[in-house]
PDB file of N, CA and C in Angstrom:
ATOM      1  N   MET A   1      -5.288   5.081  10.358  1.00  0.00           N
ATOM      2  CA  MET A   1      -4.694   4.703   9.103  1.00  0.00           C
ATOM      3  C   MET A   1      -5.148   3.281   8.778  1.00  0.00           C
ATOM      4  N   LYS A   2      -5.530   3.072   7.536  1.00  0.00           N
ATOM      5  CA  LYS A   2      -5.962   1.746   7.099  1.00  0.00           C
ATOM      6  C   LYS A   2      -5.049   1.294   5.971  1.00  0.00           C
ATOM      7  N   ARG A   3      -4.432   0.117   6.172  1.00  0.00           N
ATOM      8  CA  ARG A   3      -3.522  -0.426   5.158  1.00  0.00           C
ATOM      9  C   ARG A   3      -3.700  -1.937   5.063  1.00  0.00           C
ATOM     10  N   SER A   4      -3.359  -2.467   3.897  1.00  0.00           N
ATOM     11  CA  SER A   4      -3.415  -3.914   3.668  1.00  0.00           C
ATOM     12  C   SER A   4      -2.015  -4.442   3.411  1.00  0.00           C
ATOM     13  N   PHE A   5      -1.791  -5.664   3.870  1.00  0.00           N
ATOM     14  CA  PHE A   5      -0.491  -6.305   3.725  1.00  0.00           C
ATOM     15  C   PHE A   5      -0.689  -7.759   3.308  1.00  0.00           C
ATOM     16  N   LYS A   6       0.277  -8.298   2.587  1.00  0.00           N
ATOM     17  CA  LYS A   6       0.295  -9.702   2.206  1.00  0.00           C
ATOM     18  C   LYS A   6       0.795 -10.521   3.402  1.00  0.00           C
ATOM     19  N   LEU A   7       0.183 -11.676   3.603  1.00  0.00           N
ATOM     20  CA  LEU A   7       0.641 -12.617   4.625  1.00  0.00           C
ATOM     21  C   LEU A   7       1.291 -13.797   3.913  1.00  0.00           C
ATOM     22  N   GLU A   8       2.564 -13.995   4.150  1.00  0.00           N
ATOM     23  CA  GLU A   8       3.264 -15.138   3.562  1.00  0.00           C
ATOM     24  C   GLU A   8       3.212 -16.319   4.515  1.00  0.00           C
ATOM     25  N   GLU A   9       3.086 -17.500   3.946  1.00  0.00           N
ATOM     26  CA  GLU A   9       3.090 -18.755   4.705  1.00  0.00           C
ATOM     27  C   GLU A   9       1.899 -18.885   5.648  1.00  0.00           C
ATOM     28  N   LEU A  10       0.757 -18.349   5.258  1.00  0.00           N
ATOM     29  CA  LEU A  10      -0.472 -18.531   6.015  1.00  0.00           C
ATOM     30  C   LEU A  10      -1.119 -19.818   5.518  1.00  0.00           C
ATOM     31  N   ASP A  11      -1.149 -20.843   6.355  1.00  0.00           N
ATOM     32  CA  ASP A  11      -1.559 -22.177   5.912  1.00  0.00           C
ATOM     33  C   ASP A  11      -2.835 -22.708   6.546  1.00  0.00           C
ATOM     34  N   CYS A  12      -3.380 -22.019   7.532  1.00  0.00           N
ATOM     35  CA  CYS A  12      -4.491 -22.578   8.295  1.00  0.00           C
ATOM     36  C   CYS A  12      -5.595 -21.535   8.473  1.00  0.00           C
ATOM     37  N   ALA A  13      -6.795 -21.849   7.976  1.00  0.00           N
ATOM     38  CA  ALA A  13      -7.928 -20.921   8.083  1.00  0.00           C
ATOM     39  C   ALA A  13      -8.325 -20.696   9.543  1.00  0.00           C
ATOM     40  N   ASP A  14      -8.294 -21.745  10.352  1.00  0.00           N
ATOM     41  CA  ASP A  14      -8.643 -21.604  11.763  1.00  0.00           C
ATOM     42  C   ASP A  14      -7.637 -20.707  12.480  1.00  0.00           C
ATOM     43  N   CYS A  15      -6.358 -20.853  12.149  1.00  0.00           N
ATOM     44  CA  CYS A  15      -5.326 -20.005  12.742  1.00  0.00           C
ATOM     45  C   CYS A  15      -5.533 -18.545  12.326  1.00  0.00           C
ATOM     46  N   ALA A  16      -5.900 -18.328  11.072  1.00  0.00           N
ATOM     47  CA  ALA A  16      -6.149 -16.973  10.577  1.00  0.00           C
ATOM     48  C   ALA A  16      -7.279 -16.325  11.372  1.00  0.00           C
ATOM     49  N   SER A  17      -8.302 -17.091  11.666  1.00  0.00           N
ATOM     50  CA  SER A  17      -9.427 -16.583  12.458  1.00  0.00           C
ATOM     51  C   SER A  17      -8.974 -16.199  13.863  1.00  0.00           C
ATOM     52  N   LYS A  18      -8.142 -17.036  14.464  1.00  0.00           N
ATOM     53  CA  LYS A  18      -7.634 -16.750  15.804  1.00  0.00           C
ATOM     54  C   LYS A  18      -6.701 -15.541  15.789  1.00  0.00           C
ATOM     55  N   MET A  19      -5.879 -15.416  14.740  1.00  0.00           N
ATOM     56  CA  MET A  19      -5.000 -14.251  14.609  1.00  0.00           C
ATOM     57  C   MET A  19      -5.836 -12.976  14.548  1.00  0.00           C
ATOM     58  N   GLU A  20      -6.861 -13.000  13.700  1.00  0.00           N
ATOM     59  CA  GLU A  20      -7.735 -11.840  13.542  1.00  0.00           C
ATOM     60  C   GLU A  20      -8.366 -11.450  14.877  1.00  0.00           C
ATOM     61  N   ARG A  21      -8.873 -12.438  15.598  1.00  0.00           N
ATOM     62  CA  ARG A  21      -9.498 -12.184  16.901  1.00  0.00           C
ATOM     63  C   ARG A  21      -8.511 -11.517  17.855  1.00  0.00           C
ATOM     64  N   ASP A  22      -7.298 -12.046  17.937  1.00  0.00           N
ATOM     65  CA  ASP A  22      -6.309 -11.515  18.880  1.00  0.00           C
ATOM     66  C   ASP A  22      -5.774 -10.150  18.453  1.00  0.00           C
ATOM     67  N   ILE A  23      -5.592  -9.941  17.159  1.00  0.00           N
ATOM     68  CA  ILE A  23      -5.104  -8.645  16.671  1.00  0.00           C
ATOM     69  C   ILE A  23      -6.131  -7.556  16.961  1.00  0.00           C
ATOM     70  N   ASN A  24      -7.406  -7.895  16.876  1.00  0.00           N
ATOM     71  CA  ASN A  24      -8.453  -6.916  17.182  1.00  0.00           C
ATOM     72  C   ASN A  24      -8.461  -6.507  18.653  1.00  0.00           C
ATOM     73  N   LYS A  25      -7.802  -7.254  19.514  1.00  0.00           N
ATOM     74  CA  LYS A  25      -7.720  -6.925  20.939  1.00  0.00           C
ATOM     75  C   LYS A  25      -6.575  -5.973  21.273  1.00  0.00           C
ATOM     76  N   ILE A  26      -5.686  -5.715  20.315  1.00  0.00           N
ATOM     77  CA  ILE A  26      -4.540  -4.829  20.547  1.00  0.00           C
ATOM     78  C   ILE A  26      -5.037  -3.393  20.736  1.00  0.00           C
ATOM     79  N   ASP A  27      -4.496  -2.715  21.751  1.00  0.00           N
ATOM     80  CA  ASP A  27      -4.828  -1.299  21.956  1.00  0.00           C
ATOM     81  C   ASP A  27      -4.426  -0.498  20.725  1.00  0.00           C
ATOM     82  N   GLY A  28      -5.325   0.348  20.257  1.00  0.00           N
ATOM     83  CA  GLY A  28      -5.045   1.182  19.094  1.00  0.00           C
ATOM     84  C   GLY A  28      -5.609   0.627  17.800  1.00  0.00           C
ATOM     85  N   VAL A  29      -6.069  -0.625  17.823  1.00  0.00           N
ATOM     86  CA  VAL A  29      -6.651  -1.226  16.618  1.00  0.00           C
ATOM     87  C   VAL A  29      -8.133  -0.877  16.544  1.00  0.00           C
ATOM     88  N   ASN A  30      -8.518  -0.266  15.433  1.00  0.00           N
ATOM     89  CA  ASN A  30      -9.932   0.009  15.196  1.00  0.00           C
ATOM     90  C   ASN A  30     -10.606  -1.230  14.617  1.00  0.00           C
ATOM     91  N   LYS A  31      -9.942  -1.852  13.641  1.00  0.00           N
ATOM     92  CA  LYS A  31     -10.461  -3.083  13.058  1.00  0.00           C
ATOM     93  C   LYS A  31      -9.350  -3.778  12.276  1.00  0.00           C
ATOM     94  N   ALA A  32      -9.297  -5.088  12.422  1.00  0.00           N
ATOM     95  CA  ALA A  32      -8.362  -5.908  11.659  1.00  0.00           C
ATOM     96  C   ALA A  32      -9.145  -7.046  11.039  1.00  0.00           C
ATOM     97  N   THR A  33      -8.874  -7.319   9.774  1.00  0.00           N
ATOM     98  CA  THR A  33      -9.498  -8.457   9.100  1.00  0.00           C
ATOM     99  C   THR A  33      -8.423  -9.232   8.349  1.00  0.00           C
ATOM    100  N   ILE A  34      -8.551 -10.538   8.391  1.00  0.00           N
ATOM    101  CA  ILE A  34      -7.648 -11.411   7.635  1.00  0.00           C
ATOM    102  C   ILE A  34      -8.490 -12.206   6.664  1.00  0.00           C
ATOM    103  N   ASN A  35      -8.109 -12.149   5.395  1.00  0.00           N
ATOM    104  CA  ASN A  35      -8.761 -12.934   4.355  1.00  0.00           C
ATOM    105  C   ASN A  35      -7.853 -14.112   4.044  1.00  0.00           C
ATOM    106  N   PHE A  36      -8.260 -15.300   4.464  1.00  0.00           N
ATOM    107  CA  PHE A  36      -7.431 -16.486   4.270  1.00  0.00           C
ATOM    108  C   PHE A  36      -7.252 -16.802   2.791  1.00  0.00           C
ATOM    109  N   MET A  37      -8.297 -16.634   1.997  1.00  0.00           N
ATOM    110  CA  MET A  37      -8.236 -16.997   0.576  1.00  0.00           C
ATOM    111  C   MET A  37      -7.228 -16.146  -0.200  1.00  0.00           C
ATOM    112  N   THR A  38      -7.105 -14.876   0.153  1.00  0.00           N
ATOM    113  CA  THR A  38      -6.161 -13.999  -0.548  1.00  0.00           C
ATOM    114  C   THR A  38      -4.858 -13.819   0.231  1.00  0.00           C
ATOM    115  N   SER A  39      -4.803 -14.363   1.435  1.00  0.00           N
ATOM    116  CA  SER A  39      -3.636 -14.218   2.327  1.00  0.00           C
ATOM    117  C   SER A  39      -3.289 -12.754   2.551  1.00  0.00           C
ATOM    118  N   LYS A  40      -4.314 -11.961   2.899  1.00  0.00           N
ATOM    119  CA  LYS A  40      -4.095 -10.540   3.165  1.00  0.00           C
ATOM    120  C   LYS A  40      -4.691 -10.157   4.508  1.00  0.00           C
ATOM    121  N   ILE A  41      -4.012  -9.213   5.146  1.00  0.00           N
ATOM    122  CA  ILE A  41      -4.522  -8.620   6.378  1.00  0.00           C
ATOM    123  C   ILE A  41      -4.785  -7.146   6.097  1.00  0.00           C
ATOM    124  N   THR A  42      -5.934  -6.677   6.511  1.00  0.00           N
ATOM    125  CA  THR A  42      -6.261  -5.255   6.445  1.00  0.00           C
ATOM    126  C   THR A  42      -6.323  -4.760   7.875  1.00  0.00           C
ATOM    127  N   LEU A  43      -5.541  -3.738   8.136  1.00  0.00           N
ATOM    128  CA  LEU A  43      -5.380  -3.239   9.494  1.00  0.00           C
ATOM    129  C   LEU A  43      -5.736  -1.758   9.545  1.00  0.00           C
ATOM    130  N   ASP A  44      -6.689  -1.428  10.391  1.00  0.00           N
ATOM    131  CA  ASP A  44      -7.085  -0.042  10.624  1.00  0.00           C
ATOM    132  C   ASP A  44      -6.717   0.274  12.066  1.00  0.00           C
ATOM    133  N   ALA A  45      -5.732   1.167  12.226  1.00  0.00           N
ATOM    134  CA  ALA A  45      -5.237   1.487  13.565  1.00  0.00           C
ATOM    135  C   ALA A  45      -4.850   2.960  13.644  1.00  0.00           C
ATOM    136  N   ALA A  46      -4.696   3.438  14.852  1.00  0.00           N
ATOM    137  CA  ALA A  46      -4.300   4.829  15.083  1.00  0.00           C
ATOM    138  C   ALA A  46      -2.960   5.112  14.410  1.00  0.00           C
ATOM    139  N   ASP A  47      -2.864   6.258  13.739  1.00  0.00           N
ATOM    140  CA  ASP A  47      -1.645   6.618  13.005  1.00  0.00           C
ATOM    141  C   ASP A  47      -0.390   6.586  13.870  1.00  0.00           C
ATOM    142  N   GLU A  48      -0.486   7.189  15.051  1.00  0.00           N
ATOM    143  CA  GLU A  48       0.693   7.319  15.905  1.00  0.00           C
ATOM    144  C   GLU A  48       1.163   5.982  16.472  1.00  0.00           C
ATOM    145  N   ALA A  49       0.304   4.994  16.494  1.00  0.00           N
ATOM    146  CA  ALA A  49       0.668   3.685  17.052  1.00  0.00           C
ATOM    147  C   ALA A  49       0.768   2.604  15.983  1.00  0.00           C
ATOM    148  N   PHE A  50       0.673   2.986  14.706  1.00  0.00           N
ATOM    149  CA  PHE A  50       0.546   1.981  13.655  1.00  0.00           C
ATOM    150  C   PHE A  50       1.729   1.006  13.611  1.00  0.00           C
ATOM    151  N   ASP A  51       2.950   1.524  13.680  1.00  0.00           N
ATOM    152  CA  ASP A  51       4.122   0.639  13.621  1.00  0.00           C
ATOM    153  C   ASP A  51       4.170  -0.331  14.800  1.00  0.00           C
ATOM    154  N   ALA A  52       3.849   0.155  15.973  1.00  0.00           N
ATOM    155  CA  ALA A  52       3.840  -0.711  17.162  1.00  0.00           C
ATOM    156  C   ALA A  52       2.738  -1.767  17.047  1.00  0.00           C
ATOM    157  N   VAL A  53       1.581  -1.371  16.527  1.00  0.00           N
ATOM    158  CA  VAL A  53       0.481  -2.322  16.324  1.00  0.00           C
ATOM    159  C   VAL A  53       0.890  -3.377  15.315  1.00  0.00           C
ATOM    160  N   LEU A  54       1.544  -2.962  14.246  1.00  0.00           N
ATOM    161  CA  LEU A  54       1.984  -3.907  13.220  1.00  0.00           C
ATOM    162  C   LEU A  54       3.012  -4.897  13.777  1.00  0.00           C
ATOM    163  N   ASP A  55       3.919  -4.410  14.617  1.00  0.00           N
ATOM    164  CA  ASP A  55       4.894  -5.298  15.259  1.00  0.00           C
ATOM    165  C   ASP A  55       4.196  -6.331  16.147  1.00  0.00           C
ATOM    166  N   GLU A  56       3.210  -5.877  16.906  1.00  0.00           N
ATOM    167  CA  GLU A  56       2.462  -6.785  17.786  1.00  0.00           C
ATOM    168  C   GLU A  56       1.640  -7.779  16.960  1.00  0.00           C
ATOM    169  N   ALA A  57       1.075  -7.318  15.854  1.00  0.00           N
ATOM    170  CA  ALA A  57       0.320  -8.209  14.968  1.00  0.00           C
ATOM    171  C   ALA A  57       1.230  -9.294  14.414  1.00  0.00           C
ATOM    172  N   GLN A  58       2.451  -8.933  14.060  1.00  0.00           N
ATOM    173  CA  GLN A  58       3.418  -9.924  13.564  1.00  0.00           C
ATOM    174  C   GLN A  58       3.726 -10.956  14.642  1.00  0.00           C
ATOM    175  N   ARG A  59       3.895 -10.485  15.871  1.00  0.00           N
ATOM    176  CA  ARG A  59       4.178 -11.402  16.979  1.00  0.00           C
ATOM    177  C   ARG A  59       3.030 -12.389  17.165  1.00  0.00           C
ATOM    178  N   ILE A  60       1.799 -11.897  17.075  1.00  0.00           N
ATOM    179  CA  ILE A  60       0.620 -12.750  17.221  1.00  0.00           C
ATOM    180  C   ILE A  60       0.567 -13.779  16.093  1.00  0.00           C
ATOM    181  N   CYS A  61       0.788 -13.333  14.866  1.00  0.00           N
ATOM    182  CA  CYS A  61       0.754 -14.255  13.718  1.00  0.00           C
ATOM    183  C   CYS A  61       1.789 -15.361  13.876  1.00  0.00           C
ATOM    184  N   ALA A  62       3.004 -14.987  14.262  1.00  0.00           N
ATOM    185  CA  ALA A  62       4.071 -15.972  14.444  1.00  0.00           C
ATOM    186  C   ALA A  62       3.764 -16.923  15.596  1.00  0.00           C
ATOM    187  N   GLY A  63       2.979 -16.475  16.557  1.00  0.00           N
ATOM    188  CA  GLY A  63       2.599 -17.338  17.669  1.00  0.00           C
ATOM    189  C   GLY A  63       1.701 -18.474  17.223  1.00  0.00           C
ATOM    190  N   TYR A  64       0.887 -18.246  16.211  1.00  0.00           N
ATOM    191  CA  TYR A  64       0.001 -19.291  15.689  1.00  0.00           C
ATOM    192  C   TYR A  64       0.653 -20.108  14.579  1.00  0.00           C
ATOM    193  N   GLU A  65       1.387 -19.434  13.713  1.00  0.00           N
ATOM    194  CA  GLU A  65       2.101 -20.100  12.620  1.00  0.00           C
ATOM    195  C   GLU A  65       3.499 -19.478  12.551  1.00  0.00           C
ATOM    196  N   SER A  66       4.477 -20.211  12.997  1.00  0.00           N
ATOM    197  CA  SER A  66       5.823 -19.663  13.166  1.00  0.00           C
ATOM    198  C   SER A  66       6.424 -19.114  11.865  1.00  0.00           C
ATOM    199  N   ASP A  67       6.007 -19.628  10.709  1.00  0.00           N
ATOM    200  CA  ASP A  67       6.549 -19.165   9.433  1.00  0.00           C
ATOM    201  C   ASP A  67       5.768 -17.994   8.835  1.00  0.00           C
ATOM    202  N   CYS A  68       4.662 -17.632   9.421  1.00  0.00           N
ATOM    203  CA  CYS A  68       3.800 -16.581   8.872  1.00  0.00           C
ATOM    204  C   CYS A  68       4.439 -15.209   9.057  1.00  0.00           C
ATOM    205  N   VAL A  69       4.514 -14.453   7.962  1.00  0.00           N
ATOM    206  CA  VAL A  69       5.150 -13.151   7.966  1.00  0.00           C
ATOM    207  C   VAL A  69       4.232 -12.117   7.317  1.00  0.00           C
ATOM    208  N   ILE A  70       4.117 -10.951   7.948  1.00  0.00           N
ATOM    209  CA  ILE A  70       3.409  -9.827   7.357  1.00  0.00           C
ATOM    210  C   ILE A  70       4.419  -9.091   6.491  1.00  0.00           C
ATOM    211  N   VAL A  71       4.185  -9.062   5.189  1.00  0.00           N
ATOM    212  CA  VAL A  71       5.114  -8.396   4.258  1.00  0.00           C
ATOM    213  C   VAL A  71       4.820  -6.906   4.284  1.00  0.00           C
ATOM    214  N   ARG A  72       5.792  -6.144   4.730  1.00  0.00           N
ATOM    215  CA  ARG A  72       5.606  -4.683   4.856  1.00  0.00           C
ATOM    216  C   ARG A  72       6.095  -3.957   3.625  1.00  0.00           C
TER     217      ARG A  72
END
C-alpha cells in the first residue's frame, strides 16, 4: 500500500533526511520518501503491516523532532 501524509512541525531538512533513512530500515517498508519542501511523507509498505509501520515511523520522526507529527 502506498499513501502520503502531511508532516506537521517539520523544521529541519537534515532531520528529514535522517528520518527518511531510518524509516526505510523498518521491516515491511518498501520505500519511504520525505519531501521537506512540501512537508509530506510518502510511505509504501506491506498492507498487513501498514499501521504498525506508520506507528514506528511516527516514533522515529518524534525522535528527531519532538513536535513532528504524521497527520493521519
